[in-house]
């Protein structure tokens, strides 16, 4: 299952990169503009390349951080917690105004 998650994340990365390339670079930077000089086209290409790079890195880094966080959280709960957690303690009693006088006082020894 871990390799399947990695494959799905890799697929999402490639699809997002392709989407950003199509929308930013092909849609704006490489789009032909009638009467545009070579200098303006070169400057536009550099600016939109920077925008594409920053946008791609920002989204992909957020995805990687989320992936690492979720993987660590899964390891904590699945692998680590069940080995040492005993579950002993006080039973949960939900708050109720009707039973407020019947609950034992925790400060008094029993």
Protein backbone atom coordinates (compact mmCIF):
# COMPACT_ATOMS: atom_id res chain seq x y z
CA UNK A 1 0.00 0.00 0.00
CA UNK A 2 2.92 2.37 0.63
CA UNK A 3 4.18 1.98 -2.93
CA UNK A 4 0.70 2.60 -4.25
CA UNK A 5 0.54 5.86 -2.29
CA UNK A 6 3.92 6.89 -3.68
CA UNK A 7 2.80 6.06 -7.21
CA UNK A 8 -0.40 8.09 -6.78
CA UNK A 9 1.58 11.05 -5.45
CA UNK A 10 4.01 10.80 -8.36
CA UNK A 11 1.11 10.73 -10.79
CA UNK A 12 -0.44 13.79 -9.15
CA UNK A 13 2.91 15.60 -9.36
CA UNK A 14 3.29 14.89 -13.06
CA UNK A 15 -0.28 15.91 -13.85
CA UNK A 16 0.02 19.16 -11.90
CA UNK A 17 3.33 19.98 -13.57
CA UNK A 18 1.79 19.37 -16.98
CA UNK A 19 -1.23 21.52 -16.08
CA UNK A 20 0.96 24.41 -14.91
CA UNK A 21 3.11 24.10 -18.05
CA UNK A 22 0.03 24.21 -20.30
CA UNK A 23 -1.63 27.12 -18.50
CA UNK A 24 1.37 29.32 -17.73
CA UNK A 25 3.99 28.61 -20.38
CA UNK A 26 1.97 27.54 -23.40
CA UNK A 27 -0.96 29.82 -22.60
CA UNK A 28 1.01 32.99 -21.88
CA UNK A 29 4.77 32.78 -22.44
CA UNK A 30 4.84 30.85 -25.71
CA UNK A 31 1.63 32.26 -27.16
CA UNK A 32 2.31 34.14 -30.39
CA UNK A 33 1.48 37.83 -30.26
CA UNK A 34 1.31 39.67 -33.61
CA UNK A 35 3.78 42.54 -33.82
CA UNK A 36 5.69 41.56 -30.67
CA UNK A 37 9.43 42.21 -30.75
CA UNK A 38 11.99 39.54 -29.93
CA UNK A 39 13.15 41.45 -26.84
CA UNK A 40 9.64 41.65 -25.38
CA UNK A 41 9.08 37.97 -26.15
CA UNK A 42 12.34 37.04 -24.42
CA UNK A 43 11.51 39.09 -21.33
CA UNK A 44 8.03 37.60 -21.26
CA UNK A 45 9.52 34.11 -21.51
CA UNK A 46 11.89 34.74 -18.58
CA UNK A 47 9.14 36.23 -16.38
CA UNK A 48 6.64 33.46 -17.08
CA UNK A 49 9.33 30.80 -16.64
CA UNK A 50 9.95 32.19 -13.17
CA UNK A 51 6.20 32.25 -12.44
CA UNK A 52 5.85 28.64 -13.63
CA UNK A 53 8.83 27.51 -11.56
CA UNK A 54 7.60 29.23 -8.38
CA UNK A 55 4.02 28.02 -8.79
CA UNK A 56 5.12 24.44 -9.46
CA UNK A 57 7.55 24.37 -6.54
CA UNK A 58 5.04 25.90 -4.12
CA UNK A 59 2.26 23.43 -4.89
CA UNK A 60 4.53 20.40 -5.06
CA UNK A 61 6.29 21.31 -1.81
CA UNK A 62 2.92 21.66 -0.07
CA UNK A 63 1.94 18.24 -1.39
CA UNK A 64 5.22 16.70 -0.23
CA UNK A 65 4.90 18.26 3.22
CA UNK A 66 1.36 16.96 3.53
CA UNK A 67 2.49 13.52 2.37
CA UNK A 68 5.33 13.41 4.90
CA UNK A 69 3.04 14.59 7.70
CA UNK A 70 0.38 11.99 6.89
CA UNK A 71 2.97 9.23 6.60
CA UNK A 72 4.45 10.12 10.00
CA UNK A 73 0.98 10.31 11.52
CA UNK A 74 0.08 6.90 10.09
CA UNK A 75 3.29 5.39 11.44
CA UNK A 76 2.61 6.89 14.86
CA UNK A 77 -0.89 5.47 15.12
CA UNK A 78 -0.51 2.16 13.29
CA UNK A 79 3.03 1.04 14.07
CA UNK A 80 4.01 2.72 17.32
CA UNK A 81 0.84 3.35 19.30
CA UNK A 82 -0.43 -0.24 19.30
CA UNK A 83 2.83 -1.60 20.73
CA UNK A 84 2.97 0.49 23.90
CA UNK A 85 -0.51 1.90 24.48
CA UNK A 86 -2.31 -0.11 27.15
CA UNK A 87 -5.55 1.85 27.34
CA UNK A 88 -5.79 1.71 31.13
CA UNK A 89 -7.28 4.65 32.92
CA UNK A 90 -10.61 6.15 33.88
CA UNK A 91 -13.68 5.41 31.82
CA UNK A 92 -15.05 8.41 29.95
CA UNK A 93 -18.20 9.85 31.48
CA UNK A 94 -19.83 12.54 29.34
CA UNK A 95 -20.94 15.70 31.09
CA UNK A 96 -24.56 15.81 32.13
CA UNK A 97 -26.34 18.17 34.50
CA UNK A 98 -28.60 15.29 35.59
CA UNK A 99 -25.69 13.22 36.92
CA UNK A 100 -23.60 16.04 38.37
CA UNK A 101 -24.52 15.13 41.96
CA UNK A 102 -24.06 11.39 41.51
CA UNK A 103 -20.46 11.48 40.24
CA UNK A 104 -17.81 10.59 42.81
CA UNK A 105 -15.53 13.39 43.94
CA UNK A 106 -12.05 12.77 42.56
CA UNK A 107 -10.33 14.67 45.39
CA UNK A 108 -11.63 12.38 48.12
CA UNK A 109 -9.88 9.02 48.69
CA UNK A 110 -12.12 6.04 48.12
